[in-house]
Amino acid sequence: MLGRSDRMNADNRPAIEARWLELTRDQLPTEAPSRRWPVRADHCFQRIFLDNACSGVWYDHIPGRPAYAHASTPLLCEAIRLADAVLAGEADLHALNRRSLAWRRQRTSPQ
């Protein structure tokens, strides 16, 4: 099944950002209670998908804030792909969240 991110034109940055905001501010938070997801807030969904798209804590990879506006187009498209996969039941939000939190614990642990 193709998610909307698979059909997005990578040259249309405004549409990509609009899809990101639609997913993280509306669709995912709306679905969260019925799916018993571990997060409900938009910034938590953004953290999870951006961290996983970066394979680490996103603020080590994205130079500015807000992150979605400063992320490379391929990175933001990967974050959207992950979000679409979660909505479609093809990816496990619990696992993605655990991975994100583990990267953050590693980053803040004393060496």
PDB file of N, CA and C in Angstrom:
ATOM      1  N   MET A   1       0.847  -1.180   0.000  1.00  0.00           N
ATOM      2  CA  MET A   1       0.000   0.000   0.000  1.00  0.00           C
ATOM      3  C   MET A   1       0.890   1.239   0.000  1.00  0.00           C
ATOM      4  N   LEU A   2       0.640   2.131  -0.907  1.00  0.00           N
ATOM      5  CA  LEU A   2       1.416   3.365  -0.973  1.00  0.00           C
ATOM      6  C   LEU A   2       0.800   4.406  -0.062  1.00  0.00           C
ATOM      7  N   GLY A   3       1.633   4.993   0.792  1.00  0.00           N
ATOM      8  CA  GLY A   3       1.182   6.108   1.611  1.00  0.00           C
ATOM      9  C   GLY A   3       1.207   7.383   0.802  1.00  0.00           C
ATOM     10  N   ARG A   4       0.583   8.405   1.311  1.00  0.00           N
ATOM     11  CA  ARG A   4       0.567   9.679   0.600  1.00  0.00           C
ATOM     12  C   ARG A   4       1.971  10.197   0.373  1.00  0.00           C
ATOM     13  N   SER A   5       2.896   9.911   1.286  1.00  0.00           N
ATOM     14  CA  SER A   5       4.269  10.396   1.121  1.00  0.00           C
ATOM     15  C   SER A   5       4.945   9.773  -0.092  1.00  0.00           C
ATOM     16  N   ASP A   6       4.541   8.546  -0.483  1.00  0.00           N
ATOM     17  CA  ASP A   6       5.120   7.893  -1.646  1.00  0.00           C
ATOM     18  C   ASP A   6       4.705   8.582  -2.944  1.00  0.00           C
ATOM     19  N   ARG A   7       3.580   9.273  -2.912  1.00  0.00           N
ATOM     20  CA  ARG A   7       3.071   9.946  -4.102  1.00  0.00           C
ATOM     21  C   ARG A   7       3.407  11.431  -4.113  1.00  0.00           C
ATOM     22  N   MET A   8       4.104  11.920  -3.102  1.00  0.00           N
ATOM     23  CA  MET A   8       4.408  13.338  -3.015  1.00  0.00           C
ATOM     24  C   MET A   8       5.534  13.700  -3.971  1.00  0.00           C
ATOM     25  N   ASN A   9       5.444  14.872  -4.526  1.00  0.00           N
ATOM     26  CA  ASN A   9       6.489  15.390  -5.397  1.00  0.00           C
ATOM     27  C   ASN A   9       7.574  16.006  -4.513  1.00  0.00           C
ATOM     28  N   ALA A  10       8.772  15.449  -4.566  1.00  0.00           N
ATOM     29  CA  ALA A  10       9.864  15.919  -3.711  1.00  0.00           C
ATOM     30  C   ALA A  10      10.265  17.355  -4.024  1.00  0.00           C
ATOM     31  N   ASP A  11       9.843  17.877  -5.156  1.00  0.00           N
ATOM     32  CA  ASP A  11      10.160  19.263  -5.511  1.00  0.00           C
ATOM     33  C   ASP A  11       9.165  20.262  -4.929  1.00  0.00           C
ATOM     34  N   ASN A  12       8.095  19.779  -4.332  1.00  0.00           N
ATOM     35  CA  ASN A  12       7.063  20.671  -3.803  1.00  0.00           C
ATOM     36  C   ASN A  12       7.180  20.761  -2.285  1.00  0.00           C
ATOM     37  N   ARG A  13       8.175  21.515  -1.828  1.00  0.00           N
ATOM     38  CA  ARG A  13       8.450  21.617  -0.396  1.00  0.00           C
ATOM     39  C   ARG A  13       7.247  22.113   0.406  1.00  0.00           C
ATOM     40  N   PRO A  14       6.494  23.120  -0.055  1.00  0.00           N
ATOM     41  CA  PRO A  14       5.319  23.535   0.726  1.00  0.00           C
ATOM     42  C   PRO A  14       4.315  22.400   0.943  1.00  0.00           C
ATOM     43  N   ALA A  15       4.114  21.553  -0.050  1.00  0.00           N
ATOM     44  CA  ALA A  15       3.188  20.427   0.104  1.00  0.00           C
ATOM     45  C   ALA A  15       3.738  19.397   1.079  1.00  0.00           C
ATOM     46  N   ILE A  16       5.042  19.182   1.047  1.00  0.00           N
ATOM     47  CA  ILE A  16       5.678  18.234   1.972  1.00  0.00           C
ATOM     48  C   ILE A  16       5.511  18.723   3.411  1.00  0.00           C
ATOM     49  N   GLU A  17       5.797  19.991   3.643  1.00  0.00           N
ATOM     50  CA  GLU A  17       5.648  20.549   4.994  1.00  0.00           C
ATOM     51  C   GLU A  17       4.184  20.529   5.435  1.00  0.00           C
ATOM     52  N   ALA A  18       3.270  20.811   4.519  1.00  0.00           N
ATOM     53  CA  ALA A  18       1.847  20.774   4.861  1.00  0.00           C
ATOM     54  C   ALA A  18       1.429  19.361   5.262  1.00  0.00           C
ATOM     55  N   ARG A  19       1.927  18.354   4.553  1.00  0.00           N
ATOM     56  CA  ARG A  19       1.611  16.959   4.898  1.00  0.00           C
ATOM     57  C   ARG A  19       2.166  16.608   6.276  1.00  0.00           C
ATOM     58  N   TRP A  20       3.379  17.047   6.558  1.00  0.00           N
ATOM     59  CA  TRP A  20       4.000  16.809   7.867  1.00  0.00           C
ATOM     60  C   TRP A  20       3.128  17.383   8.985  1.00  0.00           C
ATOM     61  N   LEU A  21       2.703  18.598   8.811  1.00  0.00           N
ATOM     62  CA  LEU A  21       1.890  19.254   9.839  1.00  0.00           C
ATOM     63  C   LEU A  21       0.511  18.608   9.952  1.00  0.00           C
ATOM     64  N   GLU A  22      -0.070  18.204   8.826  1.00  0.00           N
ATOM     65  CA  GLU A  22      -1.359  17.511   8.850  1.00  0.00           C
ATOM     66  C   GLU A  22      -1.252  16.208   9.656  1.00  0.00           C
ATOM     67  N   LEU A  23      -0.183  15.462   9.395  1.00  0.00           N
ATOM     68  CA  LEU A  23       0.031  14.199  10.112  1.00  0.00           C
ATOM     69  C   LEU A  23       0.256  14.416  11.597  1.00  0.00           C
ATOM     70  N   THR A  24       1.208  15.291  11.928  1.00  0.00           N
ATOM     71  CA  THR A  24       1.652  15.387  13.321  1.00  0.00           C
ATOM     72  C   THR A  24       0.762  16.264  14.195  1.00  0.00           C
ATOM     73  N   ARG A  25       0.044  17.186  13.605  1.00  0.00           N
ATOM     74  CA  ARG A  25      -0.826  18.060  14.395  1.00  0.00           C
ATOM     75  C   ARG A  25      -2.279  17.615  14.408  1.00  0.00           C
ATOM     76  N   ASP A  26      -2.669  16.823  13.413  1.00  0.00           N
ATOM     77  CA  ASP A  26      -4.080  16.458  13.298  1.00  0.00           C
ATOM     78  C   ASP A  26      -4.290  14.944  13.303  1.00  0.00           C
ATOM     79  N   GLN A  27      -3.848  14.274  12.244  1.00  0.00           N
ATOM     80  CA  GLN A  27      -4.199  12.869  12.073  1.00  0.00           C
ATOM     81  C   GLN A  27      -3.687  11.961  13.183  1.00  0.00           C
ATOM     82  N   LEU A  28      -2.404  12.043  13.493  1.00  0.00           N
ATOM     83  CA  LEU A  28      -1.843  11.155  14.520  1.00  0.00           C
ATOM     84  C   LEU A  28      -2.417  11.432  15.904  1.00  0.00           C
ATOM     85  N   PRO A  29      -2.477  12.699  16.358  1.00  0.00           N
ATOM     86  CA  PRO A  29      -3.093  12.941  17.668  1.00  0.00           C
ATOM     87  C   PRO A  29      -4.553  12.499  17.745  1.00  0.00           C
ATOM     88  N   THR A  30      -5.274  12.623  16.647  1.00  0.00           N
ATOM     89  CA  THR A  30      -6.678  12.191  16.625  1.00  0.00           C
ATOM     90  C   THR A  30      -6.789  10.676  16.774  1.00  0.00           C
ATOM     91  N   GLU A  31      -5.890   9.952  16.141  1.00  0.00           N
ATOM     92  CA  GLU A  31      -5.901   8.479  16.191  1.00  0.00           C
ATOM     93  C   GLU A  31      -5.338   7.916  17.496  1.00  0.00           C
ATOM     94  N   ALA A  32      -4.536   8.673  18.181  1.00  0.00           N
ATOM     95  CA  ALA A  32      -3.787   8.152  19.335  1.00  0.00           C
ATOM     96  C   ALA A  32      -4.640   7.467  20.400  1.00  0.00           C
ATOM     97  N   PRO A  33      -5.721   8.079  20.874  1.00  0.00           N
ATOM     98  CA  PRO A  33      -6.475   7.415  21.951  1.00  0.00           C
ATOM     99  C   PRO A  33      -7.053   6.056  21.542  1.00  0.00           C
ATOM    100  N   SER A  34      -7.633   5.964  20.365  1.00  0.00           N
ATOM    101  CA  SER A  34      -8.258   4.701  19.963  1.00  0.00           C
ATOM    102  C   SER A  34      -7.229   3.617  19.663  1.00  0.00           C
ATOM    103  N   ARG A  35      -6.016   4.009  19.308  1.00  0.00           N
ATOM    104  CA  ARG A  35      -4.969   3.025  18.995  1.00  0.00           C
ATOM    105  C   ARG A  35      -4.070   2.726  20.193  1.00  0.00           C
ATOM    106  N   ARG A  36      -4.334   3.414  21.279  1.00  0.00           N
ATOM    107  CA  ARG A  36      -3.573   3.209  22.515  1.00  0.00           C
ATOM    108  C   ARG A  36      -2.081   3.432  22.307  1.00  0.00           C
ATOM    109  N   TRP A  37      -1.768   4.501  21.579  1.00  0.00           N
ATOM    110  CA  TRP A  37      -0.378   4.860  21.339  1.00  0.00           C
ATOM    111  C   TRP A  37       0.221   5.497  22.582  1.00  0.00           C
ATOM    112  N   PRO A  38       1.539   5.422  22.749  1.00  0.00           N
ATOM    113  CA  PRO A  38       2.187   5.926  23.963  1.00  0.00           C
ATOM    114  C   PRO A  38       2.306   7.449  24.011  1.00  0.00           C
ATOM    115  N   VAL A  39       1.985   8.133  22.935  1.00  0.00           N
ATOM    116  CA  VAL A  39       2.060   9.599  22.907  1.00  0.00           C
ATOM    117  C   VAL A  39       0.779  10.152  22.302  1.00  0.00           C
ATOM    118  N   ARG A  40       0.513  11.422  22.630  1.00  0.00           N
ATOM    119  CA  ARG A  40      -0.680  12.087  22.101  1.00  0.00           C
ATOM    120  C   ARG A  40      -0.360  13.461  21.508  1.00  0.00           C
ATOM    121  N   ALA A  41       0.708  14.084  21.952  1.00  0.00           N
ATOM    122  CA  ALA A  41       1.019  15.468  21.570  1.00  0.00           C
ATOM    123  C   ALA A  41       1.779  15.523  20.249  1.00  0.00           C
ATOM    124  N   ASP A  42       1.523  16.578  19.496  1.00  0.00           N
ATOM    125  CA  ASP A  42       2.157  16.738  18.184  1.00  0.00           C
ATOM    126  C   ASP A  42       3.679  16.712  18.270  1.00  0.00           C
ATOM    127  N   HIS A  43       4.242  17.399  19.265  1.00  0.00           N
ATOM    128  CA  HIS A  43       5.707  17.445  19.350  1.00  0.00           C
ATOM    129  C   HIS A  43       6.307  16.072  19.660  1.00  0.00           C
ATOM    130  N   CYS A  44       5.563  15.206  20.310  1.00  0.00           N
ATOM    131  CA  CYS A  44       6.052  13.850  20.577  1.00  0.00           C
ATOM    132  C   CYS A  44       6.091  13.025  19.291  1.00  0.00           C
ATOM    133  N   PHE A  45       5.048  13.134  18.470  1.00  0.00           N
ATOM    134  CA  PHE A  45       5.069  12.451  17.173  1.00  0.00           C
ATOM    135  C   PHE A  45       6.217  12.983  16.330  1.00  0.00           C
ATOM    136  N   GLN A  46       6.412  14.283  16.339  1.00  0.00           N
ATOM    137  CA  GLN A  46       7.497  14.872  15.557  1.00  0.00           C
ATOM    138  C   GLN A  46       8.848  14.351  16.027  1.00  0.00           C
ATOM    139  N   ARG A  47       9.057  14.279  17.332  1.00  0.00           N
ATOM    140  CA  ARG A  47      10.306  13.740  17.881  1.00  0.00           C
ATOM    141  C   ARG A  47      10.545  12.316  17.405  1.00  0.00           C
ATOM    142  N   ILE A  48       9.536  11.481  17.525  1.00  0.00           N
ATOM    143  CA  ILE A  48       9.677  10.069  17.177  1.00  0.00           C
ATOM    144  C   ILE A  48      10.052   9.898  15.712  1.00  0.00           C
ATOM    145  N   PHE A  49       9.319  10.541  14.826  1.00  0.00           N
ATOM    146  CA  PHE A  49       9.552  10.336  13.393  1.00  0.00           C
ATOM    147  C   PHE A  49      10.826  11.009  12.909  1.00  0.00           C
ATOM    148  N   LEU A  50      11.120  12.192  13.424  1.00  0.00           N
ATOM    149  CA  LEU A  50      12.372  12.843  13.025  1.00  0.00           C
ATOM    150  C   LEU A  50      13.585  12.093  13.562  1.00  0.00           C
ATOM    151  N   ASP A  51      13.540  11.665  14.823  1.00  0.00           N
ATOM    152  CA  ASP A  51      14.655  10.883  15.371  1.00  0.00           C
ATOM    153  C   ASP A  51      14.897   9.631  14.536  1.00  0.00           C
ATOM    154  N   ASN A  52      13.836   8.919  14.197  1.00  0.00           N
ATOM    155  CA  ASN A  52      13.993   7.689  13.440  1.00  0.00           C
ATOM    156  C   ASN A  52      14.441   7.954  12.013  1.00  0.00           C
ATOM    157  N   ALA A  53      14.011   9.041  11.421  1.00  0.00           N
ATOM    158  CA  ALA A  53      14.480   9.394  10.076  1.00  0.00           C
ATOM    159  C   ALA A  53      15.963   9.750  10.097  1.00  0.00           C
ATOM    160  N   CYS A  54      16.425  10.337  11.212  1.00  0.00           N
ATOM    161  CA  CYS A  54      17.836  10.726  11.363  1.00  0.00           C
ATOM    162  C   CYS A  54      18.705   9.596  11.901  1.00  0.00           C
ATOM    163  N   SER A  55      18.102   8.533  12.393  1.00  0.00           N
ATOM    164  CA  SER A  55      18.809   7.449  13.094  1.00  0.00           C
ATOM    165  C   SER A  55      19.573   7.983  14.294  1.00  0.00           C
ATOM    166  N   GLY A  56      18.947   8.897  14.990  1.00  0.00           N
ATOM    167  CA  GLY A  56      19.518   9.508  16.187  1.00  0.00           C
ATOM    168  C   GLY A  56      18.701  10.727  16.572  1.00  0.00           C
ATOM    169  N   VAL A  57      19.123  11.386  17.612  1.00  0.00           N
ATOM    170  CA  VAL A  57      18.402  12.571  18.093  1.00  0.00           C
ATOM    171  C   VAL A  57      18.412  13.635  16.999  1.00  0.00           C
ATOM    172  N   TRP A  58      17.238  14.083  16.600  1.00  0.00           N
ATOM    173  CA  TRP A  58      17.140  14.957  15.420  1.00  0.00           C
ATOM    174  C   TRP A  58      17.932  16.243  15.564  1.00  0.00           C
ATOM    175  N   TYR A  59      18.032  16.804  16.760  1.00  0.00           N
ATOM    176  CA  TYR A  59      18.738  18.085  16.860  1.00  0.00           C
ATOM    177  C   TYR A  59      20.249  17.953  16.734  1.00  0.00           C
ATOM    178  N   ASP A  60      20.742  16.730  16.617  1.00  0.00           N
ATOM    179  CA  ASP A  60      22.146  16.518  16.252  1.00  0.00           C
ATOM    180  C   ASP A  60      22.330  16.499  14.734  1.00  0.00           C
ATOM    181  N   HIS A  61      21.230  16.508  13.984  1.00  0.00           N
ATOM    182  CA  HIS A  61      21.278  16.371  12.528  1.00  0.00           C
ATOM    183  C   HIS A  61      20.604  17.511  11.771  1.00  0.00           C
ATOM    184  N   ILE A  62      19.729  18.241  12.434  1.00  0.00           N
ATOM    185  CA  ILE A  62      18.979  19.316  11.791  1.00  0.00           C
ATOM    186  C   ILE A  62      19.394  20.622  12.438  1.00  0.00           C
ATOM    187  N   PRO A  63      19.884  21.574  11.647  1.00  0.00           N
ATOM    188  CA  PRO A  63      20.537  22.762  12.200  1.00  0.00           C
ATOM    189  C   PRO A  63      19.641  23.864  12.756  1.00  0.00           C
ATOM    190  N   GLY A  64      18.357  23.809  12.589  1.00  0.00           N
ATOM    191  CA  GLY A  64      17.540  24.928  13.040  1.00  0.00           C
ATOM    192  C   GLY A  64      16.177  24.511  13.546  1.00  0.00           C
ATOM    193  N   ARG A  65      15.448  25.485  14.018  1.00  0.00           N
ATOM    194  CA  ARG A  65      14.094  25.287  14.534  1.00  0.00           C
ATOM    195  C   ARG A  65      13.146  26.199  13.769  1.00  0.00           C
ATOM    196  N   PRO A  66      11.945  25.767  13.463  1.00  0.00           N
ATOM    197  CA  PRO A  66      11.410  24.436  13.721  1.00  0.00           C
ATOM    198  C   PRO A  66      12.085  23.392  12.835  1.00  0.00           C
ATOM    199  N   ALA A  67      12.195  22.208  13.371  1.00  0.00           N
ATOM    200  CA  ALA A  67      12.965  21.155  12.706  1.00  0.00           C
ATOM    201  C   ALA A  67      12.447  20.844  11.316  1.00  0.00           C
ATOM    202  N   TYR A  68      11.136  20.741  11.162  1.00  0.00           N
ATOM    203  CA  TYR A  68      10.611  20.357   9.846  1.00  0.00           C
ATOM    204  C   TYR A  68      10.990  21.370   8.769  1.00  0.00           C
ATOM    205  N   ALA A  69      11.088  22.630   9.130  1.00  0.00           N
ATOM    206  CA  ALA A  69      11.418  23.678   8.165  1.00  0.00           C
ATOM    207  C   ALA A  69      12.898  23.675   7.790  1.00  0.00           C
ATOM    208  N   HIS A  70      13.732  23.088   8.649  1.00  0.00           N
ATOM    209  CA  HIS A  70      15.176  23.064   8.413  1.00  0.00           C
ATOM    210  C   HIS A  70      15.705  21.690   8.012  1.00  0.00           C
ATOM    211  N   ALA A  71      14.863  20.684   8.079  1.00  0.00           N
ATOM    212  CA  ALA A  71      15.272  19.336   7.670  1.00  0.00           C
ATOM    213  C   ALA A  71      15.424  19.299   6.155  1.00  0.00           C
ATOM    214  N   SER A  72      16.328  18.465   5.688  1.00  0.00           N
ATOM    215  CA  SER A  72      16.445  18.272   4.247  1.00  0.00           C
ATOM    216  C   SER A  72      15.146  17.643   3.740  1.00  0.00           C
ATOM    217  N   THR A  73      14.870  17.845   2.479  1.00  0.00           N
ATOM    218  CA  THR A  73      13.652  17.266   1.904  1.00  0.00           C
ATOM    219  C   THR A  73      13.660  15.741   2.000  1.00  0.00           C
ATOM    220  N   PRO A  74      14.760  15.051   1.669  1.00  0.00           N
ATOM    221  CA  PRO A  74      14.742  13.584   1.810  1.00  0.00           C
ATOM    222  C   PRO A  74      14.501  13.140   3.258  1.00  0.00           C
ATOM    223  N   LEU A  75      15.086  13.831   4.220  1.00  0.00           N
ATOM    224  CA  LEU A  75      14.895  13.458   5.617  1.00  0.00           C
ATOM    225  C   LEU A  75      13.438  13.659   6.024  1.00  0.00           C
ATOM    226  N   LEU A  76      12.847  14.797   5.655  1.00  0.00           N
ATOM    227  CA  LEU A  76      11.454  15.050   6.008  1.00  0.00           C
ATOM    228  C   LEU A  76      10.530  14.050   5.317  1.00  0.00           C
ATOM    229  N   CYS A  77      10.834  13.696   4.080  1.00  0.00           N
ATOM    230  CA  CYS A  77      10.035  12.684   3.384  1.00  0.00           C
ATOM    231  C   CYS A  77      10.130  11.325   4.076  1.00  0.00           C
ATOM    232  N   GLU A  78      11.296  10.987   4.607  1.00  0.00           N
ATOM    233  CA  GLU A  78      11.443   9.731   5.346  1.00  0.00           C
ATOM    234  C   GLU A  78      10.623   9.776   6.636  1.00  0.00           C
ATOM    235  N   ALA A  79      10.633  10.886   7.331  1.00  0.00           N
ATOM    236  CA  ALA A  79       9.820  11.028   8.547  1.00  0.00           C
ATOM    237  C   ALA A  79       8.334  10.880   8.210  1.00  0.00           C
ATOM    238  N   ILE A  80       7.911  11.470   7.112  1.00  0.00           N
ATOM    239  CA  ILE A  80       6.516  11.353   6.673  1.00  0.00           C
ATOM    240  C   ILE A  80       6.205   9.913   6.291  1.00  0.00           C
ATOM    241  N   ARG A  81       7.132   9.255   5.614  1.00  0.00           N
ATOM    242  CA  ARG A  81       6.926   7.846   5.254  1.00  0.00           C
ATOM    243  C   ARG A  81       6.704   6.992   6.491  1.00  0.00           C
ATOM    244  N   LEU A  82       7.489   7.238   7.529  1.00  0.00           N
ATOM    245  CA  LEU A  82       7.325   6.498   8.785  1.00  0.00           C
ATOM    246  C   LEU A  82       5.964   6.789   9.423  1.00  0.00           C
ATOM    247  N   ALA A  83       5.567   8.039   9.428  1.00  0.00           N
ATOM    248  CA  ALA A  83       4.269   8.414  10.002  1.00  0.00           C
ATOM    249  C   ALA A  83       3.129   7.765   9.222  1.00  0.00           C
ATOM    250  N   ASP A  84       3.215   7.794   7.900  1.00  0.00           N
ATOM    251  CA  ASP A  84       2.195   7.142   7.080  1.00  0.00           C
ATOM    252  C   ASP A  84       2.153   5.639   7.354  1.00  0.00           C
ATOM    253  N   ALA A  85       3.327   5.029   7.538  1.00  0.00           N
ATOM    254  CA  ALA A  85       3.381   3.592   7.818  1.00  0.00           C
ATOM    255  C   ALA A  85       2.718   3.274   9.155  1.00  0.00           C
ATOM    256  N   VAL A  86       2.914   4.126  10.144  1.00  0.00           N
ATOM    257  CA  VAL A  86       2.252   3.924  11.432  1.00  0.00           C
ATOM    258  C   VAL A  86       0.742   4.042  11.267  1.00  0.00           C
ATOM    259  N   LEU A  87       0.283   5.059  10.562  1.00  0.00           N
ATOM    260  CA  LEU A  87      -1.160   5.215  10.333  1.00  0.00           C
ATOM    261  C   LEU A  87      -1.751   4.009   9.613  1.00  0.00           C
ATOM    262  N   ALA A  88      -0.994   3.444   8.684  1.00  0.00           N
ATOM    263  CA  ALA A  88      -1.469   2.295   7.910  1.00  0.00           C
ATOM    264  C   ALA A  88      -1.335   0.975   8.666  1.00  0.00           C
ATOM    265  N   GLY A  89      -0.758   1.013   9.858  1.00  0.00           N
ATOM    266  CA  GLY A  89      -0.561  -0.215  10.624  1.00  0.00           C
ATOM    267  C   GLY A  89       0.618  -1.039  10.139  1.00  0.00           C
ATOM    268  N   GLU A  90       1.513  -0.416   9.379  1.00  0.00           N
ATOM    269  CA  GLU A  90       2.664  -1.118   8.817  1.00  0.00           C
ATOM    270  C   GLU A  90       3.951  -0.877   9.588  1.00  0.00           C
ATOM    271  N   ALA A  91       3.908  -0.017  10.592  1.00  0.00           N
ATOM    272  CA  ALA A  91       5.067   0.251  11.459  1.00  0.00           C
ATOM    273  C   ALA A  91       4.553   0.372  12.884  1.00  0.00           C
ATOM    274  N   ASP A  92       5.394   0.045  13.828  1.00  0.00           N
ATOM    275  CA  ASP A  92       5.033   0.006  15.242  1.00  0.00           C
ATOM    276  C   ASP A  92       5.482   1.290  15.940  1.00  0.00           C
ATOM    277  N   LEU A  93       4.518   2.135  16.294  1.00  0.00           N
ATOM    278  CA  LEU A  93       4.859   3.388  16.960  1.00  0.00           C
ATOM    279  C   LEU A  93       5.540   3.143  18.306  1.00  0.00           C
ATOM    280  N   HIS A  94       5.121   2.118  19.019  1.00  0.00           N
ATOM    281  CA  HIS A  94       5.744   1.811  20.311  1.00  0.00           C
ATOM    282  C   HIS A  94       7.244   1.543  20.132  1.00  0.00           C
ATOM    283  N   ALA A  95       7.604   0.759  19.127  1.00  0.00           N
ATOM    284  CA  ALA A  95       9.020   0.446  18.871  1.00  0.00           C
ATOM    285  C   ALA A  95       9.783   1.693  18.436  1.00  0.00           C
ATOM    286  N   LEU A  96       9.194   2.493  17.562  1.00  0.00           N
ATOM    287  CA  LEU A  96       9.854   3.722  17.124  1.00  0.00           C
ATOM    288  C   LEU A  96      10.064   4.678  18.302  1.00  0.00           C
ATOM    289  N   ASN A  97       9.094   4.755  19.195  1.00  0.00           N
ATOM    290  CA  ASN A  97       9.219   5.611  20.373  1.00  0.00           C
ATOM    291  C   ASN A  97      10.327   5.104  21.298  1.00  0.00           C
ATOM    292  N   ARG A  98      10.375   3.799  21.526  1.00  0.00           N
ATOM    293  CA  ARG A  98      11.428   3.236  22.386  1.00  0.00           C
ATOM    294  C   ARG A  98      12.813   3.536  21.812  1.00  0.00           C
ATOM    295  N   ARG A  99      12.953   3.414  20.498  1.00  0.00           N
ATOM    296  CA  ARG A  99      14.245   3.689  19.857  1.00  0.00           C
ATOM    297  C   ARG A  99      14.612   5.164  20.036  1.00  0.00           C
ATOM    298  N   SER A 100      13.670   6.051  19.832  1.00  0.00           N
ATOM    299  CA  SER A 100      13.909   7.487  19.998  1.00  0.00           C
ATOM    300  C   SER A 100      14.342   7.804  21.434  1.00  0.00           C
ATOM    301  N   LEU A 101      13.634   7.253  22.387  1.00  0.00           N
ATOM    302  CA  LEU A 101      13.967   7.514  23.790  1.00  0.00           C
ATOM    303  C   LEU A 101      15.332   6.936  24.160  1.00  0.00           C
ATOM    304  N   ALA A 102      15.689   5.786  23.601  1.00  0.00           N
ATOM    305  CA  ALA A 102      17.007   5.190  23.869  1.00  0.00           C
ATOM    306  C   ALA A 102      18.115   6.096  23.331  1.00  0.00           C
ATOM    307  N   TRP A 103      17.953   6.631  22.132  1.00  0.00           N
ATOM    308  CA  TRP A 103      18.957   7.559  21.595  1.00  0.00           C
ATOM    309  C   TRP A 103      19.095   8.770  22.504  1.00  0.00           C
ATOM    310  N   ARG A 104      18.006   9.241  23.022  1.00  0.00           N
ATOM    311  CA  ARG A 104      18.054  10.423  23.889  1.00  0.00           C
ATOM    312  C   ARG A 104      18.721  10.103  25.233  1.00  0.00           C
ATOM    313  N   ARG A 105      18.465   8.925  25.764  1.00  0.00           N
ATOM    314  CA  ARG A 105      19.148   8.533  27.013  1.00  0.00           C
ATOM    315  C   ARG A 105      20.645   8.409  26.788  1.00  0.00           C
ATOM    316  N   GLN A 106      21.041   7.809  25.661  1.00  0.00           N
ATOM    317  CA  GLN A 106      22.466   7.656  25.347  1.00  0.00           C
ATOM    318  C   GLN A 106      23.133   9.015  25.214  1.00  0.00           C
ATOM    319  N   ARG A 107      22.424   9.958  24.639  1.00  0.00           N
ATOM    320  CA  ARG A 107      22.992  11.291  24.399  1.00  0.00           C
ATOM    321  C   ARG A 107      23.238  12.024  25.707  1.00  0.00           C
ATOM    322  N   THR A 108      22.379  11.817  26.692  1.00  0.00           N
ATOM    323  CA  THR A 108      22.488  12.554  27.952  1.00  0.00           C
ATOM    324  C   THR A 108      23.215  11.781  29.050  1.00  0.00           C
ATOM    325  N   SER A 109      23.564  10.514  28.784  1.00  0.00           N
ATOM    326  CA  SER A 109      24.288   9.730  29.783  1.00  0.00           C
ATOM    327  C   SER A 109      25.713  10.241  29.930  1.00  0.00           C
ATOM    328  N   PRO A 110      26.196  10.284  31.179  1.00  0.00           N
ATOM    329  CA  PRO A 110      27.610  10.649  31.368  1.00  0.00           C
ATOM    330  C   PRO A 110      28.500   9.566  30.777  1.00  0.00           C
ATOM    331  N   GLN A 111      29.539   9.974  30.137  1.00  0.00           N
ATOM    332  CA  GLN A 111      30.449   9.028  29.474  1.00  0.00           C
ATOM    333  C   GLN A 111      31.475   8.501  30.441  1.00  0.00           C
TER     334      GLN A 111
END
